[in-house]
Amino acid sequence: MKPIYIAAYHQSHFGRLGALTQEEMLAAATVNLCAEIGVTPAVIDSASIAAVCAGSLHQQGLLAGLLAGVPGMAGKPIETVENACASGGQAVLNGIARLQAGMGDIALAVGIEKMRDSDGRADGKQVGEALGYFSHPAERPGKTFVFPHIFAEIMQQYMTRWGVSETDLAAIAAQEYANARHNPRAQMHSNAVTREQITTMAGANRYLIDGLPLKTFDCSQITDGYAALLLATPEGLSRLGISPHAGVRITGWASAVDPLQPDLRQVLEPPGAYHAMDAAYRMAGVTPMQIRVAEVHDCFTVMGALATEILGKAQPGQGAAYWVEGMARPAGDCGINTSGGLIAKGHPVGATGIAMIGWAALQLLGQAPAPLQVREAEFAATFNIGGPVCASVSTVLRAPQ
């Protein structure tokens, strides 16, 4: 197969983007991405867009047509992809597939999500309903906030099966909030929440669903944001004036989908998720021990623990302990979610998977903020999910050689 490189990465601040529309977000992501390396969108051969709530929250379909209105983008193959919260990762894989198929040498993967109003307010009930459409219909009755409820149940299962405590899982949020304080693009960059407030379950850290352990700081954010990657073959890099020795290479990638039906799911050890991660490792020719940087899909703290296990950094049931012991810190065994993760960096759903890969690339380039920079990392991994551990997208990245 053709080598695939990340030629450029750009993202907005995650959090509140005011009155910026979806159309304006697509344009800003594309134009600013190209400006990072001194080119225009005319160099792009194809594009994939990830946006999960465009229809449900904004009654807007055919985002490809909006992107085609950006100068230089008309007349090109452009698609919108949907794989729930794994849509961003799927857009990247679709871009890679087009390059491998010979449909040009430069592909754009762009993700957007507009989840707040022009004043920055979020209608939690409306967002909860929109995201709830990505669950199985049988799980929705009686749940006002479908996914927090589903993951609260998963959290309870995880704690019961493995003897893990709420405080253990809170260590994940505590580390991520600490990381976000050093990431200027993170939604919780200026948040004053302390490790003690999170781990002692005090103040605003309240239980959200009666009888289940999920609390405020166990949850990811409601976020406006966009992120974009420019992917290129060696020929594409040449067109862009970039040396292959200067680019991060995506050396492994894979996706898989586990059943959405509640009675068929194996959420604590999802076979498809493990398969996707293992397949990406095999393609890249590396083992989990070689991964020093990772960005994983921690929509809730229990998912941060599960994802650590799926990465191969901990055995089943030991993912939370990996964080408690400091192994996931930037200076630990593997810096996981040094960006702040979905919990503190933010979760603009369609942009999330793209932002994971982009941040991992910044780490491998040595361009992360100094307190977050993982030293001497040659390989990074990302793991992006959609639904209740249903759709999974994994990648492995290698530092410039």
Protein backbone atom coordinates (compact mmCIF):
# COMPACT_ATOMS: atom_id res chain seq x y z
CA MET A 1 0.00 0.00 0.00
CA LYS A 2 0.98 3.62 -0.44
CA PRO A 3 2.51 5.33 2.60
CA ILE A 4 0.07 7.84 4.11
CA TYR A 5 1.28 11.00 5.83
CA ILE A 6 -0.32 13.77 7.84
CA ALA A 7 0.62 16.89 5.89
CA ALA A 8 -1.18 19.40 8.13
CA TYR A 9 -3.50 19.64 11.13
CA HIS A 10 -5.73 22.47 12.31
CA GLN A 11 -8.41 22.77 14.97
CA SER A 12 -10.50 25.46 16.56
CA HIS A 13 -10.72 26.20 20.22
CA PHE A 14 -13.09 23.62 21.70
CA GLY A 15 -15.99 24.93 23.76
CA ARG A 16 -18.11 27.85 22.58
CA LEU A 17 -17.88 29.24 19.04
CA GLY A 18 -20.67 31.80 19.33
CA ALA A 19 -22.70 32.50 16.21
CA LEU A 20 -20.35 30.61 13.86
CA THR A 21 -22.49 28.44 11.58
CA GLN A 22 -21.78 24.94 10.29
CA GLU A 23 -21.06 26.40 6.85
CA GLU A 24 -18.59 28.87 8.35
CA MET A 25 -16.98 26.12 10.42
CA LEU A 26 -16.37 23.98 7.35
CA ALA A 27 -14.84 26.93 5.51
CA ALA A 28 -12.66 28.02 8.43
CA ALA A 29 -11.40 24.48 9.04
CA THR A 30 -10.48 23.97 5.38
CA VAL A 31 -8.97 27.38 4.62
CA ASN A 32 -7.01 27.61 7.89
CA LEU A 33 -5.73 24.04 7.50
CA CYS A 34 -4.34 24.80 4.07
CA ALA A 35 -2.89 28.09 5.28
CA GLU A 36 -0.84 26.14 7.87
CA ILE A 37 1.39 24.94 5.01
CA GLY A 38 0.95 27.84 2.61
CA VAL A 39 -1.43 26.30 0.05
CA THR A 40 -5.06 26.81 -0.96
CA PRO A 41 -7.95 24.30 -0.95
CA ALA A 42 -7.49 23.90 -4.70
CA VAL A 43 -4.72 21.34 -4.00
CA ILE A 44 -7.18 18.96 -2.32
CA ASP A 45 -8.30 15.99 -4.43
CA SER A 46 -11.13 14.63 -2.24
CA ALA A 47 -12.77 15.23 1.11
CA SER A 48 -14.70 13.44 3.85
CA ILE A 49 -16.81 15.34 6.39
CA ALA A 50 -17.78 14.07 9.83
CA ALA A 51 -20.76 15.75 11.51
CA VAL A 52 -23.10 13.80 13.74
CA CYS A 53 -25.83 16.25 14.74
CA ALA A 54 -26.17 18.36 11.58
CA GLY A 55 -29.61 16.97 10.81
CA SER A 56 -31.00 16.47 14.29
CA LEU A 57 -29.86 19.80 15.78
CA HIS A 58 -29.73 22.03 12.68
CA GLN A 59 -31.98 20.39 10.06
CA GLN A 60 -29.13 20.55 7.55
CA GLY A 61 -28.09 17.72 5.29
CA LEU A 62 -25.78 17.58 2.27
CA LEU A 63 -22.84 19.18 4.07
CA ALA A 64 -20.73 18.13 1.09
CA GLY A 65 -22.48 20.84 -0.90
CA LEU A 66 -21.59 23.44 1.70
CA LEU A 67 -17.94 22.40 1.58
CA ALA A 68 -18.02 22.55 -2.23
CA GLY A 69 -18.83 26.25 -1.87
CA VAL A 70 -15.40 26.91 -0.36
CA PRO A 71 -13.23 28.42 -3.14
CA GLY A 72 -11.24 25.66 -4.79
CA MET A 73 -13.45 22.78 -3.58
CA ALA A 74 -16.16 22.63 -6.23
CA GLY A 75 -16.29 19.70 -8.63
CA LYS A 76 -14.46 17.27 -6.33
CA PRO A 77 -15.58 14.01 -4.69
CA ILE A 78 -16.84 15.02 -1.24
CA GLU A 79 -18.85 12.89 1.17
CA THR A 80 -20.34 13.13 4.64
CA VAL A 81 -19.81 10.08 6.83
CA GLU A 82 -21.72 8.93 9.92
CA ASN A 83 -20.46 6.38 12.41
CA ALA A 84 -21.85 8.01 15.57
CA CYS A 85 -19.06 9.46 17.74
CA ALA A 86 -16.51 7.53 15.63
CA SER A 87 -17.43 9.61 12.57
CA GLY A 88 -14.23 11.67 12.75
CA GLY A 89 -12.03 8.61 12.76
CA GLN A 90 -14.11 7.11 9.96
CA ALA A 91 -13.64 10.25 7.85
CA VAL A 92 -9.88 9.80 8.17
CA LEU A 93 -10.09 6.13 7.17
CA ASN A 94 -12.30 7.03 4.19
CA GLY A 95 -9.74 9.59 3.09
CA ILE A 96 -6.99 6.99 3.35
CA ALA A 97 -9.08 4.53 1.31
CA ARG A 98 -9.49 7.09 -1.48
CA LEU A 99 -5.76 7.70 -1.60
CA GLN A 100 -5.08 3.96 -1.67
CA ALA A 101 -7.62 3.59 -4.49
CA GLY A 102 -5.77 6.15 -6.60
CA MET A 103 -8.38 8.91 -6.26
CA GLY A 104 -5.76 11.62 -6.01
CA ASP A 105 -2.83 12.18 -3.68
CA ILE A 106 -4.21 14.69 -1.16
CA ALA A 107 -7.34 14.10 0.93
CA LEU A 108 -9.12 16.30 3.44
CA ALA A 109 -10.76 14.88 6.57
CA VAL A 110 -12.76 17.53 8.39
CA GLY A 111 -15.04 17.20 11.40
CA ILE A 112 -17.42 19.77 12.85
CA GLU A 113 -20.06 19.95 15.53
CA LYS A 114 -22.22 22.88 16.60
CA MET A 115 -23.83 21.89 19.91
CA ARG A 116 -24.39 25.29 21.58
CA ASP A 117 -26.36 28.38 20.61
CA SER A 118 -24.91 31.73 19.54
CA ASP A 119 -24.67 32.79 23.18
CA GLY A 120 -22.75 29.66 24.12
CA ARG A 121 -25.64 28.03 25.95
CA ALA A 122 -26.29 24.30 25.61
CA ASP A 123 -29.75 22.74 25.71
CA GLY A 124 -28.78 19.52 27.46
CA LYS A 125 -32.13 17.86 26.89
CA GLN A 126 -32.10 18.63 23.15
CA VAL A 127 -28.48 17.45 22.75
CA GLY A 128 -29.27 14.33 24.78
CA GLU A 129 -32.20 13.51 22.52
CA ALA A 130 -30.16 14.09 19.35
CA LEU A 131 -27.33 11.83 20.51
CA GLY A 132 -29.84 9.29 21.79
CA TYR A 133 -30.76 8.48 18.19
CA PHE A 134 -27.48 6.56 18.00
CA SER A 135 -28.62 4.03 20.58
CA HIS A 136 -30.86 1.02 20.02
CA PRO A 137 -34.59 1.93 20.16
CA ALA A 138 -35.16 -0.61 22.93
CA GLU A 139 -32.84 1.36 25.25
CA ARG A 140 -34.53 4.74 24.96
CA PRO A 141 -37.80 4.44 26.91
CA GLY A 142 -37.55 5.95 30.38
CA LYS A 143 -34.16 7.60 29.72
CA THR A 144 -34.15 11.40 29.38
CA PHE A 145 -30.40 11.38 28.71
CA VAL A 146 -29.86 8.12 26.88
CA PHE A 147 -26.09 7.84 26.64
CA PRO A 148 -25.25 9.05 30.16
CA HIS A 149 -27.76 6.46 31.37
CA ILE A 150 -26.28 3.67 29.22
CA PHE A 151 -22.73 4.45 30.30
CA ALA A 152 -23.80 4.77 33.93
CA GLU A 153 -24.98 1.18 33.62
CA ILE A 154 -21.69 0.19 31.96
CA MET A 155 -19.85 1.97 34.78
CA GLN A 156 -21.80 -0.03 37.33
CA GLN A 157 -21.04 -3.29 35.49
CA TYR A 158 -17.34 -2.44 35.31
CA MET A 159 -17.11 -1.57 38.99
CA THR A 160 -19.02 -4.68 40.08
CA ARG A 161 -17.15 -7.13 37.85
CA TRP A 162 -13.65 -5.85 38.58
CA GLY A 163 -13.96 -4.42 42.09
CA VAL A 164 -13.16 -0.89 40.92
CA SER A 165 -14.25 2.12 42.98
CA GLU A 166 -15.72 5.47 41.98
CA THR A 167 -12.57 7.13 43.30
CA ASP A 168 -10.44 4.94 41.02
CA LEU A 169 -12.39 6.10 37.98
CA ALA A 170 -12.31 9.70 39.20
CA ALA A 171 -8.51 9.60 38.86
CA ILE A 172 -9.01 9.59 35.08
CA ALA A 173 -10.98 12.84 35.13
CA ALA A 174 -8.55 14.39 37.60
CA GLN A 175 -5.56 13.74 35.33
CA GLU A 176 -7.38 14.99 32.25
CA TYR A 177 -8.49 18.22 33.89
CA ALA A 178 -4.87 18.73 34.96
CA ASN A 179 -3.73 18.18 31.36
CA ALA A 180 -6.33 20.57 29.95
CA ARG A 181 -4.94 23.41 32.06
CA HIS A 182 -1.90 23.35 29.76
CA ASN A 183 -3.80 22.95 26.46
CA PRO A 184 -4.96 26.41 25.32
CA ARG A 185 -7.48 24.87 22.88
CA ALA A 186 -9.19 22.76 25.53
CA GLN A 187 -12.69 23.59 26.67
CA MET A 188 -11.67 23.28 30.32
CA HIS A 189 -8.37 25.10 29.91
CA SER A 190 -9.40 27.83 32.38
CA ASN A 191 -11.46 25.62 34.66
CA ALA A 192 -10.44 25.85 38.30
CA VAL A 193 -11.69 22.41 39.32
CA THR A 194 -9.11 20.72 41.53
CA ARG A 195 -8.09 17.08 41.79
CA GLU A 196 -9.51 17.03 45.33
CA GLN A 197 -12.93 18.27 44.15
CA ILE A 198 -13.08 15.50 41.54
CA THR A 199 -11.80 12.62 43.63
CA THR A 200 -13.72 13.51 46.82
CA MET A 201 -17.00 13.90 44.89
CA ALA A 202 -17.65 17.30 46.46
CA GLY A 203 -19.54 20.40 45.32
CA ALA A 204 -20.65 20.32 41.69
CA ASN A 205 -19.66 16.68 41.27
CA ARG A 206 -23.19 15.35 41.80
CA TYR A 207 -24.81 12.06 40.84
CA LEU A 208 -26.75 12.35 37.60
CA ILE A 209 -28.91 9.21 37.51
CA ASP A 210 -30.68 7.73 40.52
CA GLY A 211 -29.14 4.50 41.73
CA LEU A 212 -26.15 4.60 39.37
CA PRO A 213 -22.60 5.86 40.03
CA LEU A 214 -22.16 8.37 37.16
CA LYS A 215 -21.31 11.91 38.31
CA THR A 216 -20.74 15.28 36.68
CA PHE A 217 -16.98 14.96 36.30
CA ASP A 218 -17.29 11.45 34.88
CA CYS A 219 -18.78 13.00 31.72
CA SER A 220 -17.39 14.61 28.59
CA GLN A 221 -18.35 18.13 27.55
CA ILE A 222 -21.02 19.58 25.26
CA THR A 223 -18.81 21.29 22.74
CA ASP A 224 -18.63 23.46 19.63
CA GLY A 225 -15.54 22.78 17.56
CA TYR A 226 -13.91 21.76 14.31
CA ALA A 227 -10.77 19.87 13.36
CA ALA A 228 -9.19 19.02 10.03
CA LEU A 229 -6.36 16.87 8.68
CA LEU A 230 -4.66 16.94 5.30
CA LEU A 231 -3.62 13.42 4.32
CA ALA A 232 -1.12 12.79 1.56
CA THR A 233 0.76 10.09 -0.31
CA PRO A 234 4.48 10.67 -1.06
CA GLU A 235 3.38 12.21 -4.37
CA GLY A 236 0.99 14.45 -2.50
CA LEU A 237 3.73 15.59 -0.13
CA SER A 238 5.85 16.48 -3.14
CA ARG A 239 3.03 18.61 -4.52
CA LEU A 240 2.78 20.34 -1.15
CA GLY A 241 6.52 20.91 -0.90
CA ILE A 242 6.87 18.75 2.22
CA SER A 243 9.65 16.22 2.76
CA PRO A 244 8.54 12.70 3.78
CA HIS A 245 11.18 12.96 6.52
CA ALA A 246 9.23 15.84 8.08
CA GLY A 247 5.80 14.21 8.21
CA VAL A 248 4.07 11.95 10.71
CA ARG A 249 3.06 8.74 8.97
CA ILE A 250 -0.15 6.79 9.66
CA THR A 251 1.32 3.28 9.63
CA GLY A 252 -1.72 1.34 10.84
CA TRP A 253 -5.47 1.75 10.75
CA ALA A 254 -8.57 -0.38 11.17
CA SER A 255 -12.24 -0.24 12.07
CA ALA A 256 -14.82 -2.71 13.32
CA VAL A 257 -18.39 -2.61 14.60
CA ASP A 258 -19.86 -4.56 17.50
CA PRO A 259 -23.63 -5.15 17.68
CA LEU A 260 -25.83 -2.26 18.78
CA GLN A 261 -28.49 -4.61 20.18
CA PRO A 262 -28.23 -4.58 24.01
CA ASP A 263 -28.58 -8.36 24.35
CA LEU A 264 -25.71 -8.97 21.91
CA ARG A 265 -23.19 -6.48 23.29
CA GLN A 266 -20.09 -7.43 25.28
CA VAL A 267 -19.29 -3.97 26.55
CA LEU A 268 -16.61 -4.86 29.09
CA GLU A 269 -14.53 -6.77 26.52
CA PRO A 270 -15.93 -5.74 23.09
CA PRO A 271 -14.52 -8.09 20.41
CA GLY A 272 -14.77 -5.58 17.55
CA ALA A 273 -12.94 -2.88 19.48
CA TYR A 274 -10.11 -5.25 20.35
CA HIS A 275 -10.00 -6.46 16.75
CA ALA A 276 -9.72 -2.92 15.36
CA MET A 277 -6.89 -2.02 17.74
CA ASP A 278 -5.02 -5.28 17.19
CA ALA A 279 -5.41 -4.99 13.39
CA ALA A 280 -3.96 -1.46 13.43
CA TYR A 281 -1.01 -2.71 15.49
CA ARG A 282 -0.40 -5.59 13.08
CA MET A 283 -0.49 -3.30 10.06
CA ALA A 284 1.97 -0.94 11.74
CA GLY A 285 4.19 -3.81 12.87
CA VAL A 286 4.30 -2.65 16.49
CA THR A 287 3.19 -3.89 19.90
CA PRO A 288 1.38 -1.98 22.67
CA MET A 289 4.67 -1.76 24.58
CA GLN A 290 6.06 0.54 21.87
CA ILE A 291 3.21 3.05 22.20
CA ARG A 292 4.26 6.07 24.27
CA VAL A 293 1.42 8.43 23.30
CA ALA A 294 -2.29 7.66 22.96
CA GLU A 295 -5.54 9.55 22.53
CA VAL A 296 -8.62 7.51 23.43
CA HIS A 297 -12.36 8.04 23.48
CA ASP A 298 -13.22 8.80 27.10
CA CYS A 299 -16.79 10.00 26.65
CA PHE A 300 -17.17 8.87 30.27
CA THR A 301 -14.46 7.89 32.76
CA VAL A 302 -15.32 4.21 32.53
CA MET A 303 -14.55 4.41 28.81
CA GLY A 304 -11.14 5.86 29.64
CA ALA A 305 -10.46 2.74 31.70
CA LEU A 306 -11.83 0.36 29.05
CA ALA A 307 -9.91 2.11 26.28
CA THR A 308 -6.66 1.75 28.22
CA GLU A 309 -7.30 -1.99 28.26
CA ILE A 310 -8.20 -2.10 24.57
CA LEU A 311 -4.94 -0.26 23.82
CA GLY A 312 -3.15 -3.17 25.46
CA LYS A 313 -1.71 -1.00 28.22
CA ALA A 314 -3.60 -2.86 30.94
CA GLN A 315 -5.31 -6.18 31.40
CA PRO A 316 -9.15 -6.28 31.57
CA GLY A 317 -10.21 -4.70 34.84
CA GLN A 318 -6.88 -2.92 35.35
CA GLY A 319 -7.44 0.14 33.17
CA ALA A 320 -8.45 2.45 36.02
CA ALA A 321 -5.47 1.29 38.11
CA TYR A 322 -3.16 2.35 35.25
CA TRP A 323 -4.37 5.94 35.79
CA VAL A 324 -4.40 5.74 39.59
CA GLU A 325 -0.75 4.67 39.52
CA GLY A 326 0.23 7.63 37.31
CA MET A 327 1.12 5.47 34.31
CA ALA A 328 -1.03 7.63 31.96
CA ARG A 329 0.63 10.93 32.87
CA PRO A 330 2.72 12.74 30.26
CA ALA A 331 5.84 11.49 32.04
CA GLY A 332 4.39 8.04 32.74
CA ASP A 333 4.57 4.77 30.85
CA CYS A 334 2.29 6.14 28.10
CA GLY A 335 0.88 9.66 27.99
CA ILE A 336 -2.83 9.02 27.45
CA ASN A 337 -5.14 11.92 26.59
CA THR A 338 -2.50 14.52 27.28
CA SER A 339 -4.81 16.86 25.34
CA GLY A 340 -7.32 16.66 28.19
CA GLY A 341 -9.42 14.01 26.47
CA LEU A 342 -13.11 14.31 25.77
CA ILE A 343 -13.73 14.97 29.45
CA ALA A 344 -11.67 18.16 29.63
CA LYS A 345 -10.53 19.03 26.10
CA GLY A 346 -14.13 18.72 24.89
CA HIS A 347 -16.23 16.48 22.65
CA PRO A 348 -17.43 18.21 19.43
CA VAL A 349 -18.68 14.85 18.25
CA GLY A 350 -17.87 14.89 14.53
CA ALA A 351 -14.47 16.50 15.15
CA THR A 352 -13.42 14.25 18.02
CA GLY A 353 -11.75 11.40 16.14
CA ILE A 354 -9.87 13.82 13.87
CA ALA A 355 -8.69 15.86 16.86
CA MET A 356 -7.36 12.69 18.51
CA ILE A 357 -5.16 11.91 15.52
CA GLY A 358 -4.11 15.54 15.15
CA TRP A 359 -3.02 15.85 18.78
CA ALA A 360 -1.14 12.55 18.61
CA ALA A 361 0.69 13.89 15.55
CA LEU A 362 1.61 17.09 17.41
CA GLN A 363 3.08 14.94 20.17
CA LEU A 364 5.21 12.98 17.71
CA LEU A 365 6.39 16.24 16.15
CA GLY A 366 7.40 17.57 19.57
CA GLN A 367 4.87 20.41 19.27
CA ALA A 368 2.67 19.75 22.31
CA PRO A 369 2.77 22.33 25.13
CA ALA A 370 5.92 21.73 27.19
CA PRO A 371 4.23 20.37 30.37
CA LEU A 372 2.30 17.86 28.21
CA GLN A 373 5.04 16.84 25.80
CA VAL A 374 5.87 13.13 25.94
CA ARG A 375 9.60 12.68 25.41
CA GLU A 376 11.20 10.34 22.90
CA ALA A 377 7.94 8.96 21.54
CA GLU A 378 8.29 7.11 18.24
CA PHE A 379 4.77 5.67 18.02
CA ALA A 380 1.30 6.88 19.01
CA ALA A 381 -2.11 5.21 18.92
CA THR A 382 -5.68 6.50 18.79
CA PHE A 383 -8.95 4.76 19.61
CA ASN A 384 -12.24 6.42 18.65
CA ILE A 385 -15.66 4.86 19.38
CA GLY A 386 -19.27 5.46 18.45
CA GLY A 387 -22.26 4.32 20.46
CA PRO A 388 -22.07 2.06 23.52
CA VAL A 389 -18.69 0.61 22.47
CA CYS A 390 -20.19 -0.20 19.07
CA ALA A 391 -18.24 1.42 16.20
CA SER A 392 -14.46 1.46 16.70
CA VAL A 393 -11.73 3.21 14.69
CA SER A 394 -8.06 2.75 15.56
CA THR A 395 -4.86 4.22 14.15
CA VAL A 396 -1.12 3.94 14.78
CA LEU A 397 1.15 6.87 13.95
CA ARG A 398 4.94 7.02 13.59
CA ALA A 399 7.18 10.02 14.19
CA PRO A 400 9.15 11.50 11.27
CA GLN A 401 12.12 9.35 10.29
